[in-house]
Amino acid sequence: MSVPFANASVQGELSAPPDAIFGQIPASGLDGIAFLDFAYEAAGRSTHRVDGLVIGTWHGERRGHARTRLTFWGADLTDERDDEGAADAFVLRGPGFAGTTLWSGPCRGRYLAFMPAAVERMIEAPLSRVSIASATYDLAERMTVFHLLAALGQEAGSRNGGADALLIDSVALAALRASGALAPPAPRRSAALSSRQARRVRDLVAERIGTPLSLREMAEAAGLSEGYFVRAFKGTFGVTPYQYVLRERVTLAQSLIRSGTVSLREAAERAGFPDARRMGRTFRKMIGRSPTEAARLQRA
């Protein structure tokens, strides 16, 4: 018995639901980008049709002397990853692709699914004018994408209310570029924001620090496309938009905690963190200390 499914731009049928879902981000609002991190314990299959774009990774598990074998079928596409081929695969599925995936045993997969409008927003062109060939590669050829999706999976699994919109946009754009879906851009001179653009973006971040903020909104504030905005922002501030927003959130949270007038939960909420636990993780990652340790040192 097959199980129908639909996720953003992908529809089809599964032989059975995944045995585990480690992280999930549904497509919502205008972003139109979904993410799923899942695993199967036994052999299975899926049939699927893609309206927008899918970027994914598959890892076949080894149990004893056997390694899961992955097989991919579709129009103008046939590829197998067996024991000798290291059953790890990167998949790129463009608009209109229809195919089947089979796995012979335990495996884990992660994928980003883009709605057509989300693809067009990021590639800065109508899909009708862009040729995106569906392909399957050995995962070793696209390890950058693997690490991006693994990081997004960890983020999605650690948040009760879903991953940060700015993080989703940033990872999706980076994965799109690293996937090979687009031809490498022609060399350009270094980009930078004008002083007016930089001021407008800083003001937007300060105004929205406690609420979700997307890459699209930041780019629109500067009057630029998302792809160019990311390069220009980094050329001006030396960090990505996501890193900048995290830094501003940490700075605000430090100030609130140091004041002694709010709890850690309140500081996290006002600084835009989903909870105090996530705020603590970010503090330790960025400054090497917990929020309370950082505040204690600043008071000393």
Protein backbone atom coordinates (compact mmCIF):
# COMPACT_ATOMS: atom_id res chain seq x y z
CA MET A 1 0.00 0.00 0.00
CA SER A 2 1.44 3.38 -1.03
CA VAL A 3 1.32 6.58 1.00
CA PRO A 4 0.75 9.83 -0.94
CA PHE A 5 2.80 12.87 0.05
CA ALA A 6 3.24 16.51 -0.92
CA ASN A 7 5.98 18.84 0.29
CA ALA A 8 6.44 22.24 -1.35
CA SER A 9 7.12 21.51 -5.03
CA VAL A 10 7.32 17.70 -4.67
CA GLN A 11 4.37 15.32 -4.88
CA GLY A 12 4.26 11.55 -5.14
CA GLU A 13 3.88 8.28 -3.26
CA LEU A 14 6.00 6.45 -0.67
CA SER A 15 6.08 2.74 0.01
CA ALA A 16 5.84 3.71 3.70
CA PRO A 17 6.30 6.84 5.85
CA PRO A 18 9.86 7.47 7.11
CA ASP A 19 10.78 5.58 10.27
CA ALA A 20 12.31 8.74 11.74
CA ILE A 21 12.12 12.46 11.01
CA PHE A 22 15.00 14.34 12.61
CA GLY A 23 14.06 17.80 11.39
CA GLN A 24 11.38 19.33 9.23
CA ILE A 25 10.64 22.81 7.92
CA PRO A 26 7.35 23.16 6.02
CA ALA A 27 7.05 25.60 3.14
CA SER A 28 5.13 28.59 4.44
CA GLY A 29 4.37 32.15 3.50
CA LEU A 30 6.13 33.58 0.48
CA ASP A 31 9.46 31.87 1.09
CA GLY A 32 8.29 28.64 -0.52
CA ILE A 33 11.22 26.53 0.73
CA ALA A 34 10.76 23.25 2.60
CA PHE A 35 13.29 20.95 4.27
CA LEU A 36 13.15 17.37 5.49
CA ASP A 37 15.74 15.23 7.33
CA PHE A 38 14.53 11.61 7.50
CA ALA A 39 15.57 7.97 7.74
CA TYR A 40 14.34 4.51 6.78
CA GLU A 41 15.22 1.26 8.54
CA ALA A 42 14.17 -1.06 5.71
CA ALA A 43 14.00 -1.19 1.93
CA GLY A 44 11.47 1.01 0.17
CA ARG A 45 10.69 3.22 -2.77
CA SER A 46 9.23 6.58 -3.71
CA THR A 47 7.78 8.00 -6.89
CA HIS A 48 7.81 11.74 -7.22
CA ARG A 49 7.15 14.70 -9.49
CA VAL A 50 8.93 18.04 -9.11
CA ASP A 51 7.39 21.36 -10.09
CA GLY A 52 10.14 23.61 -8.80
CA LEU A 53 13.56 22.34 -7.71
CA VAL A 54 14.88 19.72 -5.29
CA ILE A 55 18.41 19.50 -3.86
CA GLY A 56 19.09 16.47 -1.71
CA THR A 57 21.56 13.98 -0.27
CA TRP A 58 21.20 10.24 0.43
CA HIS A 59 23.37 8.09 2.64
CA GLY A 60 23.10 4.32 2.50
CA GLU A 61 23.85 2.67 5.84
CA ARG A 62 26.10 -0.37 6.23
CA ARG A 63 24.76 -3.26 8.30
CA GLY A 64 27.27 -6.08 8.70
CA HIS A 65 28.85 -6.77 5.32
CA ALA A 66 25.97 -5.25 3.32
CA ARG A 67 25.55 -1.64 2.31
CA THR A 68 22.29 -0.14 1.17
CA ARG A 69 22.00 0.21 -2.57
CA LEU A 70 20.34 3.30 -4.01
CA THR A 71 18.80 3.35 -7.47
CA PHE A 72 17.38 6.40 -9.23
CA TRP A 73 15.17 6.29 -12.31
CA GLY A 74 13.67 9.06 -14.36
CA ALA A 75 13.41 10.53 -17.81
CA ASP A 76 16.96 10.69 -19.22
CA LEU A 77 18.28 9.71 -15.80
CA THR A 78 19.55 6.35 -14.56
CA ASP A 79 22.11 6.01 -11.80
CA GLU A 80 23.04 3.43 -9.20
CA ARG A 81 25.16 3.64 -6.07
CA ASP A 82 26.11 0.16 -4.90
CA ASP A 83 28.67 -1.25 -2.45
CA GLU A 84 31.59 -0.35 -4.69
CA GLY A 85 30.13 3.05 -5.49
CA ALA A 86 29.76 4.14 -1.87
CA ALA A 87 26.00 4.35 -1.56
CA ASP A 88 26.04 8.08 -0.93
CA ALA A 89 24.41 10.29 -3.50
CA PHE A 90 23.68 13.92 -4.27
CA VAL A 91 20.50 14.51 -6.27
CA LEU A 92 19.38 17.54 -8.23
CA ARG A 93 15.88 17.48 -9.68
CA GLY A 94 14.73 20.31 -11.90
CA PRO A 95 11.28 21.53 -12.97
CA GLY A 96 9.15 18.83 -14.57
CA PHE A 97 11.24 15.90 -13.36
CA ALA A 98 9.34 12.67 -12.66
CA GLY A 99 11.08 9.59 -11.34
CA THR A 100 11.50 6.80 -8.84
CA THR A 101 13.98 6.23 -6.03
CA LEU A 102 14.60 2.77 -4.53
CA TRP A 103 16.67 1.89 -1.46
CA SER A 104 17.58 -1.66 -0.54
CA GLY A 105 17.94 -1.13 3.22
CA PRO A 106 18.60 1.44 5.96
CA CYS A 107 19.34 4.94 4.66
CA ARG A 108 19.09 8.60 5.58
CA GLY A 109 18.11 11.48 3.36
CA ARG A 110 17.90 15.25 3.52
CA TYR A 111 16.42 17.56 0.93
CA LEU A 112 15.47 21.13 0.21
CA ALA A 113 12.39 21.59 -1.97
CA PHE A 114 11.90 24.96 -3.65
CA MET A 115 8.57 26.19 -4.98
CA PRO A 116 8.90 27.64 -8.51
CA ALA A 117 8.58 31.22 -7.21
CA ALA A 118 11.35 30.59 -4.66
CA VAL A 119 13.69 29.31 -7.39
CA GLU A 120 12.99 32.31 -9.58
CA ARG A 121 13.56 34.66 -6.67
CA MET A 122 16.98 33.17 -5.98
CA ILE A 123 18.23 32.69 -9.53
CA GLU A 124 16.85 36.10 -10.49
CA ALA A 125 15.23 34.80 -13.68
CA PRO A 126 12.00 33.09 -14.82
CA LEU A 127 12.25 29.28 -14.82
CA SER A 128 11.19 29.31 -18.47
CA ARG A 129 14.50 31.00 -19.33
CA VAL A 130 16.74 28.71 -17.30
CA SER A 131 17.73 25.14 -18.07
CA ILE A 132 18.27 23.05 -14.94
CA ALA A 133 19.25 19.49 -15.80
CA SER A 134 18.30 16.77 -13.32
CA ALA A 135 21.35 14.78 -12.25
CA THR A 136 22.75 12.36 -9.68
CA TYR A 137 26.34 12.49 -8.46
CA ASP A 138 28.51 10.71 -5.97
CA LEU A 139 28.11 12.68 -2.77
CA ALA A 140 31.88 13.28 -2.59
CA GLU A 141 31.44 15.67 -5.53
CA ARG A 142 28.98 17.86 -3.60
CA MET A 143 30.18 17.71 0.01
CA THR A 144 29.53 21.43 0.47
CA VAL A 145 25.83 20.75 -0.08
CA PHE A 146 25.97 17.80 2.34
CA HIS A 147 27.42 19.98 5.12
CA LEU A 148 24.88 22.76 4.46
CA LEU A 149 21.92 20.38 4.67
CA ALA A 150 23.36 18.60 7.72
CA ALA A 151 23.69 21.95 9.52
CA LEU A 152 20.15 22.91 8.56
CA GLY A 153 18.92 19.54 9.80
CA GLN A 154 20.55 20.12 13.17
CA GLU A 155 18.99 23.56 13.38
CA ALA A 156 15.53 22.32 12.38
CA GLY A 157 15.69 19.52 14.92
CA SER A 158 16.73 21.81 17.78
CA ARG A 159 13.98 24.40 17.42
CA ASN A 160 10.46 23.99 18.68
CA GLY A 161 9.06 26.74 16.49
CA GLY A 162 10.98 26.02 13.30
CA ALA A 163 14.27 27.29 11.98
CA ASP A 164 15.14 30.96 11.58
CA ALA A 165 13.79 32.32 8.27
CA LEU A 166 17.05 34.13 7.56
CA LEU A 167 19.01 30.92 8.12
CA ILE A 168 16.73 28.95 5.78
CA ASP A 169 17.11 31.55 3.02
CA SER A 170 20.87 31.77 3.48
CA VAL A 171 21.42 28.00 3.42
CA ALA A 172 19.03 27.55 0.49
CA LEU A 173 20.89 30.17 -1.57
CA ALA A 174 24.28 28.69 -0.70
CA ALA A 175 23.07 25.15 -1.53
CA LEU A 176 21.63 26.34 -4.82
CA ARG A 177 24.98 27.83 -5.79
CA ALA A 178 26.96 24.78 -4.64
CA SER A 179 24.62 22.28 -6.31
CA GLY A 180 25.73 23.01 -9.85
CA ALA A 181 22.18 23.93 -10.83
CA LEU A 182 23.44 27.22 -12.19
CA ALA A 183 26.43 27.99 -14.35
CA PRO A 184 29.21 29.74 -12.40
CA PRO A 185 28.71 33.51 -12.57
CA ALA A 186 31.10 35.58 -14.62
CA PRO A 187 33.88 37.18 -12.57
CA ARG A 188 32.70 40.45 -11.05
CA ARG A 189 34.43 43.15 -9.17
CA SER A 190 33.92 43.10 -5.42
CA ALA A 191 30.48 44.25 -4.31
CA ALA A 192 29.61 46.58 -1.46
CA LEU A 193 26.57 48.41 -0.11
CA SER A 194 26.33 52.16 -0.36
CA SER A 195 26.29 54.05 2.93
CA ARG A 196 22.54 54.63 2.48
CA GLN A 197 21.87 50.94 1.82
CA ALA A 198 23.98 49.88 4.79
CA ARG A 199 22.12 52.32 7.06
CA ARG A 200 18.72 51.07 5.91
CA VAL A 201 19.69 47.45 6.55
CA ARG A 202 21.13 48.27 9.99
CA ASP A 203 17.94 50.12 10.90
CA LEU A 204 15.79 47.20 9.72
CA VAL A 205 17.77 44.69 11.79
CA ALA A 206 17.57 46.92 14.88
CA GLU A 207 13.83 47.38 14.43
CA ARG A 208 13.14 43.67 13.85
CA ILE A 209 15.75 42.13 16.14
CA GLY A 210 13.13 40.36 18.25
CA THR A 211 11.06 39.01 15.35
CA PRO A 212 11.74 36.71 12.37
CA LEU A 213 13.54 38.44 9.50
CA SER A 214 14.09 36.97 6.05
CA LEU A 215 16.88 37.45 3.56
CA ARG A 216 14.34 38.78 1.10
CA GLU A 217 13.28 41.57 3.47
CA MET A 218 16.89 42.61 4.06
CA ALA A 219 17.62 42.61 0.33
CA GLU A 220 14.47 44.62 -0.38
CA ALA A 221 15.51 47.22 2.19
CA ALA A 222 18.69 47.71 0.18
CA GLY A 223 16.86 47.59 -3.15
CA LEU A 224 18.92 44.62 -4.37
CA SER A 225 18.38 41.03 -5.48
CA GLU A 226 19.11 38.43 -2.82
CA GLY A 227 22.13 36.97 -4.60
CA TYR A 228 23.85 40.31 -5.09
CA PHE A 229 22.81 41.54 -1.66
CA VAL A 230 24.60 38.68 0.12
CA ARG A 231 27.86 39.46 -1.70
CA ALA A 232 27.52 43.21 -1.18
CA PHE A 233 26.60 42.80 2.48
CA LYS A 234 29.65 40.64 3.16
CA GLY A 235 31.81 43.07 1.23
CA THR A 236 30.62 45.86 3.54
CA PHE A 237 30.27 44.19 6.95
CA GLY A 238 32.75 41.33 6.58
CA VAL A 239 30.17 38.70 7.62
CA THR A 240 27.05 37.16 6.10
CA PRO A 241 23.63 38.67 6.87
CA TYR A 242 22.81 35.72 9.14
CA GLN A 243 26.07 36.07 11.09
CA TYR A 244 25.46 39.81 11.45
CA VAL A 245 21.95 39.32 12.83
CA LEU A 246 23.18 36.67 15.28
CA ARG A 247 25.91 39.05 16.46
CA GLU A 248 23.35 41.82 17.04
CA ARG A 249 21.09 39.44 18.95
CA VAL A 250 23.96 38.36 21.19
CA THR A 251 24.91 41.99 21.84
CA LEU A 252 21.34 42.91 22.82
CA ALA A 253 20.94 39.82 25.00
CA GLN A 254 24.22 40.59 26.80
CA SER A 255 23.00 44.10 27.54
CA LEU A 256 19.66 42.85 28.86
CA ILE A 257 21.23 40.19 31.06
CA ARG A 258 23.83 42.60 32.40
CA SER A 259 21.06 45.02 33.42
CA GLY A 260 19.71 42.40 35.83
CA THR A 261 16.12 43.46 35.09
CA VAL A 262 15.03 40.46 33.00
CA SER A 263 15.23 36.68 33.20
CA LEU A 264 17.20 34.62 30.72
CA ARG A 265 13.93 33.60 29.08
CA GLU A 266 12.86 37.23 28.67
CA ALA A 267 16.28 38.24 27.35
CA ALA A 268 16.14 35.44 24.79
CA GLU A 269 12.66 36.42 23.65
CA ARG A 270 13.45 40.13 23.31
CA ALA A 271 16.69 39.41 21.43
CA GLY A 272 14.99 37.13 18.92
CA PHE A 273 16.10 33.71 20.18
CA PRO A 274 13.47 30.93 20.30
CA ASP A 275 14.37 30.10 23.92
CA ALA A 276 17.08 30.48 26.57
CA ARG A 277 18.63 27.13 25.67
CA ARG A 278 19.16 28.17 22.06
CA MET A 279 20.49 31.52 23.20
CA GLY A 280 23.02 29.73 25.42
CA ARG A 281 24.19 27.56 22.53
CA THR A 282 24.67 30.63 20.35
CA PHE A 283 26.61 32.45 23.08
CA ARG A 284 28.97 29.53 23.57
CA LYS A 285 29.50 29.18 19.84
CA MET A 286 30.12 32.86 19.16
CA ILE A 287 31.93 34.10 22.28
CA GLY A 288 32.91 30.89 24.05
CA ARG A 289 30.88 31.56 27.20
CA SER A 290 27.36 31.04 28.50
CA PRO A 291 25.09 34.12 28.82
CA THR A 292 25.52 34.29 32.60
CA GLU A 293 29.31 33.85 32.39
CA ALA A 294 29.53 36.61 29.80
CA ALA A 295 27.41 38.97 31.92
CA ARG A 296 29.44 38.20 35.06
CA LEU A 297 32.72 39.00 33.28
CA GLN A 298 31.31 42.25 31.93
CA ARG A 299 30.25 43.35 35.42
CA ALA A 300 33.69 42.60 36.86
